[in-house]
Amino acid sequence: MPRALRRFHDASVPLLSLDLPWQLPPLTAAEVIVHGDYAPYNLVFTGERVSGIIDLDYARPGPRTYDLAYALYRFAPLTVADEGWGTLHERAARIRLFCDAYGLDACSVADAVAAVAPRLRGMVAYMHAEAAAGHEAFARHIAEGHDALYVTDARYVDEHLADLV
């Protein structure tokens, strides 16, 4: 999964020089085209191998850490909603495995983990803006408590940042 993200990112670099229309505005410090929602539910598998990446609604130019932060959140995972994912130490080990397979050095791992909480808070702000603009799906997500979970998870990551890196 991390290798598929790395290949996706690396293959996207030539697209940065093109004036392409994006559904959302480019992010600052664009290095690659980010997927925007790189998570298990947006991958297609053939056996245990990733054979496809789907749902590119939020793709746009951005920094690698934008995708890496969300991928770590989903793959480690870094949510408090289900403690069945193991201890903090086990989650930290999965972070290292993911980042090693992607090809990050220790400093880049720290940057990616440090980007998780701000990324989640950004999602909450986006959800609320979209709900306020009348998008029913986002209003439903808020009513279901998704925004509160992301805020709680961001706090969890902030509190355990040193242990996760």
N, C-alpha and C. Protein backbone atom coordinates (compact mmCIF):
# COMPACT_ATOMS: atom_id res chain seq x y z
N MET A 1 0.80 -1.19 0.00
CA MET A 1 0.00 0.00 0.00
C MET A 1 0.86 1.27 0.00
N PRO A 2 1.90 1.33 0.84
CA PRO A 2 2.75 2.52 0.77
C PRO A 2 3.52 2.60 -0.54
N ARG A 3 3.90 1.45 -1.08
CA ARG A 3 4.63 1.47 -2.35
C ARG A 3 3.73 1.95 -3.48
N ALA A 4 2.46 1.59 -3.43
CA ALA A 4 1.51 2.06 -4.44
C ALA A 4 1.34 3.58 -4.34
N LEU A 5 1.29 4.09 -3.14
CA LEU A 5 1.19 5.54 -2.97
C LEU A 5 2.45 6.22 -3.49
N ARG A 6 3.61 5.65 -3.22
CA ARG A 6 4.86 6.22 -3.70
C ARG A 6 4.89 6.23 -5.23
N ARG A 7 4.48 5.12 -5.85
CA ARG A 7 4.45 5.06 -7.31
C ARG A 7 3.46 6.09 -7.88
N PHE A 8 2.32 6.21 -7.25
CA PHE A 8 1.31 7.20 -7.66
C PHE A 8 1.91 8.61 -7.59
N HIS A 9 2.53 8.93 -6.46
CA HIS A 9 3.14 10.25 -6.30
C HIS A 9 4.23 10.49 -7.34
N ASP A 10 5.15 9.55 -7.45
CA ASP A 10 6.27 9.73 -8.37
C ASP A 10 5.80 9.86 -9.81
N ALA A 11 4.80 9.08 -10.20
CA ALA A 11 4.29 9.15 -11.57
C ALA A 11 3.56 10.46 -11.85
N SER A 12 3.09 11.12 -10.80
CA SER A 12 2.30 12.34 -10.99
C SER A 12 3.14 13.60 -11.20
N VAL A 13 4.42 13.55 -10.91
CA VAL A 13 5.26 14.75 -10.97
C VAL A 13 5.17 15.47 -12.31
N PRO A 14 5.21 14.79 -13.46
CA PRO A 14 5.11 15.52 -14.74
C PRO A 14 3.80 16.31 -14.90
N LEU A 15 2.75 15.90 -14.19
CA LEU A 15 1.47 16.61 -14.30
C LEU A 15 1.50 17.99 -13.66
N LEU A 16 2.46 18.22 -12.78
CA LEU A 16 2.54 19.51 -12.11
C LEU A 16 2.81 20.66 -13.09
N SER A 17 3.47 20.35 -14.18
CA SER A 17 3.81 21.40 -15.16
C SER A 17 2.65 21.71 -16.10
N LEU A 18 1.57 20.96 -16.03
CA LEU A 18 0.41 21.17 -16.90
C LEU A 18 -0.63 22.03 -16.20
N ASP A 19 -1.33 22.81 -16.95
CA ASP A 19 -2.40 23.65 -16.41
C ASP A 19 -3.71 22.85 -16.48
N LEU A 20 -3.91 21.99 -15.49
CA LEU A 20 -5.06 21.11 -15.47
C LEU A 20 -6.14 21.64 -14.53
N PRO A 21 -7.40 21.37 -14.84
CA PRO A 21 -8.46 21.78 -13.92
C PRO A 21 -8.57 20.77 -12.77
N TRP A 22 -8.69 21.28 -11.58
CA TRP A 22 -8.84 20.43 -10.39
C TRP A 22 -10.14 20.79 -9.70
N GLN A 23 -10.76 19.82 -9.08
CA GLN A 23 -12.01 20.07 -8.36
C GLN A 23 -11.78 20.99 -7.17
N LEU A 24 -10.62 20.88 -6.55
CA LEU A 24 -10.25 21.73 -5.41
C LEU A 24 -8.98 22.47 -5.77
N PRO A 25 -8.76 23.63 -5.16
CA PRO A 25 -7.54 24.39 -5.48
C PRO A 25 -6.28 23.66 -5.03
N PRO A 26 -5.18 23.86 -5.76
CA PRO A 26 -3.91 23.24 -5.35
C PRO A 26 -3.51 23.68 -3.94
N LEU A 27 -2.80 22.80 -3.28
CA LEU A 27 -2.26 23.10 -1.96
C LEU A 27 -0.89 23.77 -2.12
N THR A 28 -0.46 24.46 -1.09
CA THR A 28 0.86 25.08 -1.15
C THR A 28 1.95 24.02 -1.08
N ALA A 29 3.13 24.39 -1.54
CA ALA A 29 4.30 23.51 -1.52
C ALA A 29 4.04 22.22 -2.29
N ALA A 30 3.42 22.34 -3.47
CA ALA A 30 3.08 21.17 -4.28
C ALA A 30 4.34 20.48 -4.78
N GLU A 31 4.44 19.20 -4.48
CA GLU A 31 5.54 18.34 -4.95
C GLU A 31 5.05 17.29 -5.92
N VAL A 32 3.78 16.89 -5.73
CA VAL A 32 3.17 15.79 -6.47
C VAL A 32 1.69 16.10 -6.64
N ILE A 33 1.00 15.21 -7.32
CA ILE A 33 -0.47 15.24 -7.29
C ILE A 33 -0.87 14.34 -6.13
N VAL A 34 -1.56 14.91 -5.16
CA VAL A 34 -2.01 14.11 -4.02
C VAL A 34 -3.34 13.46 -4.36
N HIS A 35 -3.58 12.31 -3.79
CA HIS A 35 -4.85 11.63 -3.96
C HIS A 35 -5.94 12.35 -3.17
N GLY A 36 -5.62 12.73 -1.94
CA GLY A 36 -6.55 13.45 -1.09
C GLY A 36 -7.36 12.58 -0.16
N ASP A 37 -7.45 11.28 -0.44
CA ASP A 37 -8.23 10.37 0.40
C ASP A 37 -7.66 8.97 0.27
N TYR A 38 -6.34 8.87 0.39
CA TYR A 38 -5.66 7.58 0.23
C TYR A 38 -5.89 6.75 1.48
N ALA A 39 -6.74 5.74 1.34
CA ALA A 39 -7.15 4.91 2.46
C ALA A 39 -7.54 3.53 1.92
N PRO A 40 -7.64 2.53 2.78
CA PRO A 40 -7.97 1.18 2.32
C PRO A 40 -9.23 1.12 1.46
N TYR A 41 -10.23 1.93 1.79
CA TYR A 41 -11.49 1.89 1.05
C TYR A 41 -11.40 2.49 -0.35
N ASN A 42 -10.26 3.08 -0.70
CA ASN A 42 -10.07 3.61 -2.05
C ASN A 42 -8.99 2.87 -2.82
N LEU A 43 -8.73 1.65 -2.40
CA LEU A 43 -7.76 0.80 -3.09
C LEU A 43 -8.48 -0.44 -3.62
N VAL A 44 -8.02 -0.91 -4.76
CA VAL A 44 -8.52 -2.15 -5.34
C VAL A 44 -7.41 -3.18 -5.17
N PHE A 45 -7.76 -4.35 -4.72
CA PHE A 45 -6.78 -5.40 -4.45
C PHE A 45 -6.99 -6.58 -5.38
N THR A 46 -5.89 -7.16 -5.79
CA THR A 46 -5.88 -8.46 -6.43
C THR A 46 -5.08 -9.33 -5.48
N GLY A 47 -5.78 -10.18 -4.77
CA GLY A 47 -5.14 -10.91 -3.68
C GLY A 47 -4.73 -9.92 -2.61
N GLU A 48 -3.46 -9.91 -2.25
CA GLU A 48 -2.96 -8.98 -1.24
C GLU A 48 -2.23 -7.79 -1.87
N ARG A 49 -2.25 -7.70 -3.18
CA ARG A 49 -1.52 -6.65 -3.90
C ARG A 49 -2.47 -5.54 -4.35
N VAL A 50 -2.04 -4.29 -4.17
CA VAL A 50 -2.82 -3.16 -4.65
C VAL A 50 -2.74 -3.15 -6.17
N SER A 51 -3.89 -3.23 -6.82
CA SER A 51 -3.92 -3.23 -8.29
C SER A 51 -4.61 -1.99 -8.84
N GLY A 52 -5.13 -1.16 -7.97
CA GLY A 52 -5.77 0.07 -8.43
C GLY A 52 -6.02 1.04 -7.31
N ILE A 53 -6.06 2.31 -7.67
CA ILE A 53 -6.38 3.39 -6.74
C ILE A 53 -7.58 4.11 -7.34
N ILE A 54 -8.66 4.23 -6.57
CA ILE A 54 -9.90 4.82 -7.08
C ILE A 54 -10.28 6.07 -6.29
N ASP A 55 -11.33 6.71 -6.74
CA ASP A 55 -11.95 7.86 -6.07
C ASP A 55 -10.98 9.03 -5.96
N LEU A 56 -10.72 9.65 -7.09
CA LEU A 56 -9.75 10.74 -7.17
C LEU A 56 -10.41 12.12 -7.11
N ASP A 57 -11.58 12.22 -6.48
CA ASP A 57 -12.30 13.49 -6.38
C ASP A 57 -11.45 14.61 -5.79
N TYR A 58 -10.62 14.28 -4.82
CA TYR A 58 -9.85 15.30 -4.11
C TYR A 58 -8.40 15.41 -4.59
N ALA A 59 -8.11 14.80 -5.73
CA ALA A 59 -6.75 14.88 -6.27
C ALA A 59 -6.45 16.31 -6.70
N ARG A 60 -5.22 16.74 -6.44
CA ARG A 60 -4.76 18.08 -6.80
C ARG A 60 -3.29 18.20 -6.45
N PRO A 61 -2.61 19.20 -6.95
CA PRO A 61 -1.21 19.39 -6.56
C PRO A 61 -1.10 19.67 -5.06
N GLY A 62 -0.08 19.07 -4.45
CA GLY A 62 0.13 19.28 -3.02
C GLY A 62 1.40 18.59 -2.54
N PRO A 63 1.70 18.73 -1.26
CA PRO A 63 2.88 18.08 -0.70
C PRO A 63 2.60 16.61 -0.36
N ARG A 64 3.64 15.81 -0.48
CA ARG A 64 3.50 14.38 -0.17
C ARG A 64 2.93 14.15 1.24
N THR A 65 3.32 15.01 2.17
CA THR A 65 2.86 14.80 3.56
C THR A 65 1.35 14.89 3.69
N TYR A 66 0.69 15.57 2.76
CA TYR A 66 -0.77 15.67 2.81
C TYR A 66 -1.40 14.28 2.71
N ASP A 67 -0.94 13.51 1.74
CA ASP A 67 -1.43 12.13 1.60
C ASP A 67 -0.86 11.22 2.67
N LEU A 68 0.41 11.38 2.97
CA LEU A 68 1.04 10.51 3.96
C LEU A 68 0.36 10.64 5.33
N ALA A 69 0.04 11.85 5.72
CA ALA A 69 -0.61 12.06 7.01
C ALA A 69 -1.94 11.30 7.08
N TYR A 70 -2.74 11.44 6.03
CA TYR A 70 -4.04 10.76 6.05
C TYR A 70 -3.88 9.25 5.93
N ALA A 71 -2.92 8.82 5.12
CA ALA A 71 -2.68 7.38 5.00
C ALA A 71 -2.27 6.79 6.35
N LEU A 72 -1.40 7.46 7.07
CA LEU A 72 -1.01 6.97 8.39
C LEU A 72 -2.21 6.91 9.32
N TYR A 73 -3.05 7.93 9.25
CA TYR A 73 -4.27 7.95 10.07
C TYR A 73 -5.13 6.72 9.78
N ARG A 74 -5.26 6.36 8.53
CA ARG A 74 -6.13 5.24 8.15
C ARG A 74 -5.47 3.87 8.25
N PHE A 75 -4.16 3.80 8.00
CA PHE A 75 -3.52 2.48 7.96
C PHE A 75 -2.92 2.06 9.29
N ALA A 76 -2.50 2.98 10.16
CA ALA A 76 -1.87 2.58 11.42
C ALA A 76 -2.86 1.88 12.35
N PRO A 77 -4.09 2.17 12.45
CA PRO A 77 -4.71 3.47 12.29
C PRO A 77 -4.54 4.30 13.56
N LEU A 78 -4.83 5.57 13.45
CA LEU A 78 -4.63 6.48 14.58
C LEU A 78 -5.95 7.03 15.09
N THR A 79 -6.92 6.18 15.19
CA THR A 79 -8.23 6.57 15.71
C THR A 79 -8.44 5.95 17.09
N VAL A 80 -9.19 6.65 17.92
CA VAL A 80 -9.53 6.11 19.24
C VAL A 80 -10.85 5.36 19.19
N ALA A 81 -11.51 5.37 18.03
CA ALA A 81 -12.83 4.77 17.91
C ALA A 81 -12.83 3.27 18.15
N ASP A 82 -11.75 2.60 17.81
CA ASP A 82 -11.70 1.14 17.95
C ASP A 82 -10.34 0.77 18.51
N GLU A 83 -10.30 0.42 19.76
CA GLU A 83 -9.04 0.05 20.39
C GLU A 83 -8.56 -1.33 19.96
N GLY A 84 -9.31 -2.00 19.11
CA GLY A 84 -8.92 -3.32 18.63
C GLY A 84 -7.71 -3.29 17.69
N TRP A 85 -7.19 -2.09 17.40
CA TRP A 85 -6.06 -1.97 16.49
C TRP A 85 -4.73 -2.06 17.21
N GLY A 86 -4.74 -2.33 18.49
CA GLY A 86 -3.49 -2.54 19.20
C GLY A 86 -3.05 -1.35 20.03
N THR A 87 -1.92 -1.55 20.65
CA THR A 87 -1.37 -0.54 21.55
C THR A 87 -0.76 0.62 20.76
N LEU A 88 -0.44 1.65 21.47
CA LEU A 88 0.24 2.79 20.88
C LEU A 88 1.57 2.34 20.26
N HIS A 89 2.29 1.46 20.95
CA HIS A 89 3.55 0.94 20.44
C HIS A 89 3.34 0.19 19.12
N GLU A 90 2.29 -0.61 19.03
CA GLU A 90 2.00 -1.36 17.80
C GLU A 90 1.62 -0.42 16.66
N ARG A 91 0.89 0.63 16.97
CA ARG A 91 0.53 1.61 15.94
C ARG A 91 1.79 2.34 15.45
N ALA A 92 2.66 2.69 16.38
CA ALA A 92 3.92 3.35 16.01
C ALA A 92 4.76 2.44 15.11
N ALA A 93 4.74 1.15 15.40
CA ALA A 93 5.48 0.20 14.57
C ALA A 93 4.90 0.15 13.16
N ARG A 94 3.57 0.21 13.04
CA ARG A 94 2.94 0.21 11.72
C ARG A 94 3.26 1.51 10.97
N ILE A 95 3.36 2.62 11.70
CA ILE A 95 3.76 3.88 11.07
C ILE A 95 5.15 3.72 10.46
N ARG A 96 6.08 3.16 11.23
CA ARG A 96 7.45 2.97 10.73
C ARG A 96 7.47 2.05 9.52
N LEU A 97 6.71 0.97 9.56
CA LEU A 97 6.66 0.05 8.42
C LEU A 97 6.12 0.74 7.17
N PHE A 98 5.04 1.50 7.34
CA PHE A 98 4.45 2.20 6.21
C PHE A 98 5.45 3.20 5.62
N CYS A 99 6.05 3.99 6.49
CA CYS A 99 6.98 5.03 6.04
C CYS A 99 8.25 4.44 5.43
N ASP A 100 8.74 3.34 6.00
CA ASP A 100 9.91 2.67 5.42
C ASP A 100 9.59 2.17 4.02
N ALA A 101 8.42 1.56 3.85
CA ALA A 101 8.04 1.03 2.54
C ALA A 101 7.82 2.17 1.53
N TYR A 102 7.36 3.32 2.00
CA TYR A 102 7.21 4.48 1.11
C TYR A 102 8.56 5.06 0.74
N GLY A 103 9.54 4.92 1.66
CA GLY A 103 10.88 5.41 1.39
C GLY A 103 11.24 6.70 2.10
N LEU A 104 10.65 6.91 3.27
CA LEU A 104 10.93 8.14 4.02
C LEU A 104 12.11 7.97 4.96
N ASP A 105 12.86 9.06 5.15
CA ASP A 105 13.90 9.07 6.18
C ASP A 105 13.25 9.47 7.51
N ALA A 106 14.00 9.41 8.59
CA ALA A 106 13.45 9.67 9.93
C ALA A 106 12.84 11.06 10.04
N CYS A 107 13.47 12.06 9.46
CA CYS A 107 12.93 13.43 9.53
C CYS A 107 11.60 13.51 8.79
N SER A 108 11.51 12.87 7.65
CA SER A 108 10.27 12.90 6.88
C SER A 108 9.16 12.14 7.59
N VAL A 109 9.50 11.07 8.29
CA VAL A 109 8.51 10.34 9.08
C VAL A 109 7.94 11.27 10.14
N ALA A 110 8.81 11.97 10.84
CA ALA A 110 8.36 12.90 11.88
C ALA A 110 7.45 13.97 11.29
N ASP A 111 7.80 14.48 10.11
CA ASP A 111 6.96 15.49 9.45
C ASP A 111 5.59 14.92 9.09
N ALA A 112 5.57 13.70 8.58
CA ALA A 112 4.31 13.08 8.18
C ALA A 112 3.41 12.84 9.39
N VAL A 113 3.97 12.35 10.47
CA VAL A 113 3.18 12.11 11.68
C VAL A 113 2.70 13.44 12.26
N ALA A 114 3.56 14.44 12.27
CA ALA A 114 3.17 15.76 12.79
C ALA A 114 2.07 16.39 11.96
N ALA A 115 1.93 15.98 10.70
CA ALA A 115 0.90 16.54 9.83
C ALA A 115 -0.46 15.88 10.02
N VAL A 116 -0.55 14.79 10.77
CA VAL A 116 -1.82 14.06 10.91
C VAL A 116 -2.88 14.93 11.58
N ALA A 117 -2.60 15.47 12.75
CA ALA A 117 -3.61 16.25 13.48
C ALA A 117 -4.06 17.48 12.70
N PRO A 118 -3.15 18.29 12.13
CA PRO A 118 -3.62 19.41 11.32
C PRO A 118 -4.45 18.97 10.11
N ARG A 119 -4.09 17.83 9.52
CA ARG A 119 -4.85 17.30 8.38
C ARG A 119 -6.27 16.97 8.80
N LEU A 120 -6.43 16.34 9.98
CA LEU A 120 -7.76 16.00 10.47
C LEU A 120 -8.57 17.25 10.79
N ARG A 121 -7.93 18.24 11.39
CA ARG A 121 -8.63 19.49 11.68
C ARG A 121 -9.04 20.21 10.40
N GLY A 122 -8.21 20.12 9.39
CA GLY A 122 -8.56 20.69 8.09
C GLY A 122 -9.77 20.00 7.49
N MET A 123 -9.87 18.69 7.66
CA MET A 123 -11.03 17.95 7.17
C MET A 123 -12.29 18.40 7.88
N VAL A 124 -12.20 18.63 9.18
CA VAL A 124 -13.35 19.08 9.95
C VAL A 124 -13.80 20.46 9.45
N ALA A 125 -12.87 21.36 9.23
CA ALA A 125 -13.21 22.69 8.72
C ALA A 125 -13.87 22.58 7.35
N TYR A 126 -13.33 21.71 6.50
CA TYR A 126 -13.90 21.51 5.16
C TYR A 126 -15.32 20.94 5.26
N MET A 127 -15.51 19.96 6.12
CA MET A 127 -16.84 19.37 6.31
C MET A 127 -17.86 20.44 6.72
N HIS A 128 -17.48 21.27 7.66
CA HIS A 128 -18.40 22.30 8.15
C HIS A 128 -18.67 23.35 7.08
N ALA A 129 -17.66 23.72 6.31
CA ALA A 129 -17.87 24.69 5.22
C ALA A 129 -18.81 24.12 4.16
N GLU A 130 -18.60 22.86 3.81
CA GLU A 130 -19.45 22.24 2.81
C GLU A 130 -20.88 22.06 3.32
N ALA A 131 -21.04 21.69 4.58
CA ALA A 131 -22.38 21.55 5.16
C ALA A 131 -23.08 22.90 5.18
N ALA A 132 -22.35 23.95 5.54
CA ALA A 132 -22.92 25.30 5.57
C ALA A 132 -23.32 25.77 4.17
N ALA A 133 -22.62 25.25 3.15
CA ALA A 133 -22.94 25.61 1.76
C ALA A 133 -24.10 24.78 1.22
N GLY A 134 -24.66 23.90 2.05
CA GLY A 134 -25.85 23.15 1.65
C GLY A 134 -25.61 21.74 1.15
N HIS A 135 -24.39 21.23 1.27
CA HIS A 135 -24.13 19.86 0.83
C HIS A 135 -24.62 18.87 1.89
N GLU A 136 -25.65 18.15 1.53
CA GLU A 136 -26.32 17.26 2.48
C GLU A 136 -25.43 16.15 3.02
N ALA A 137 -24.56 15.60 2.18
CA ALA A 137 -23.71 14.50 2.63
C ALA A 137 -22.81 14.96 3.78
N PHE A 138 -22.28 16.16 3.68
CA PHE A 138 -21.42 16.66 4.76
C PHE A 138 -22.24 16.97 6.01
N ALA A 139 -23.43 17.49 5.83
CA ALA A 139 -24.31 17.74 6.98
C ALA A 139 -24.64 16.42 7.68
N ARG A 140 -24.85 15.37 6.88
CA ARG A 140 -25.15 14.05 7.46
C ARG A 140 -23.93 13.52 8.21
N HIS A 141 -22.73 13.69 7.65
CA HIS A 141 -21.52 13.23 8.34
C HIS A 141 -21.36 13.94 9.69
N ILE A 142 -21.65 15.21 9.71
CA ILE A 142 -21.56 15.96 10.97
C ILE A 142 -22.61 15.46 11.95
N ALA A 143 -23.84 15.26 11.47
CA ALA A 143 -24.91 14.74 12.33
C ALA A 143 -24.55 13.37 12.90
N GLU A 144 -23.81 12.59 12.13
CA GLU A 144 -23.39 11.25 12.57
C GLU A 144 -22.17 11.30 13.49
N GLY A 145 -21.57 12.46 13.66
CA GLY A 145 -20.46 12.61 14.59
C GLY A 145 -19.07 12.40 14.00
N HIS A 146 -18.96 12.35 12.68
CA HIS A 146 -17.64 12.14 12.06
C HIS A 146 -16.69 13.27 12.42
N ASP A 147 -17.21 14.50 12.43
CA ASP A 147 -16.34 15.64 12.75
C ASP A 147 -15.82 15.54 14.18
N ALA A 148 -16.67 15.15 15.11
CA ALA A 148 -16.25 15.01 16.51
C ALA A 148 -15.19 13.92 16.65
N LEU A 149 -15.33 12.84 15.90
CA LEU A 149 -14.33 11.77 15.95
C LEU A 149 -12.99 12.28 15.44
N TYR A 150 -13.00 13.02 14.33
CA TYR A 150 -11.74 13.55 13.81
C TYR A 150 -11.07 14.50 14.80
N VAL A 151 -11.86 15.31 15.48
CA VAL A 151 -11.30 16.22 16.49
C VAL A 151 -10.70 15.41 17.64
N THR A 152 -11.40 14.38 18.07
CA THR A 152 -10.89 13.51 19.15
C THR A 152 -9.62 12.80 18.70
N ASP A 153 -9.62 12.31 17.48
CA ASP A 153 -8.44 11.61 16.97
C ASP A 153 -7.25 12.57 16.81
N ALA A 154 -7.50 13.80 16.39
CA ALA A 154 -6.43 14.80 16.28
C ALA A 154 -5.82 15.06 17.66
N ARG A 155 -6.66 15.15 18.66
CA ARG A 155 -6.17 15.36 20.03
C ARG A 155 -5.33 14.16 20.48
N TYR A 156 -5.78 12.95 20.17
CA TYR A 156 -5.05 11.73 20.49
C TYR A 156 -3.66 11.75 19.87
N VAL A 157 -3.59 12.11 18.59
CA VAL A 157 -2.30 12.17 17.90
C VAL A 157 -1.41 13.24 18.53
N ASP A 158 -1.97 14.41 18.80
CA ASP A 158 -1.19 15.47 19.46
C ASP A 158 -0.63 15.01 20.79
N GLU A 159 -1.45 14.33 21.58
CA GLU A 159 -1.03 13.88 22.91
C GLU A 159 0.05 12.82 22.85
N HIS A 160 0.08 12.03 21.78
CA HIS A 160 1.00 10.90 21.68
C HIS A 160 2.05 11.07 20.57
N LEU A 161 2.19 12.28 20.10
CA LEU A 161 3.07 12.54 18.97
C LEU A 161 4.49 11.98 19.19
N ALA A 162 5.06 12.25 20.33
CA ALA A 162 6.43 11.78 20.60
C ALA A 162 6.51 10.26 20.57
N ASP A 163 5.47 9.57 21.04
CA ASP A 163 5.47 8.11 21.04
C ASP A 163 5.25 7.52 19.66
N LEU A 164 4.53 8.26 18.82
CA LEU A 164 4.22 7.76 17.47
C LEU A 164 5.41 7.91 16.52
N VAL A 165 6.26 8.88 16.79
CA VAL A 165 7.42 9.10 15.94
C VAL A 165 8.56 8.23 16.45
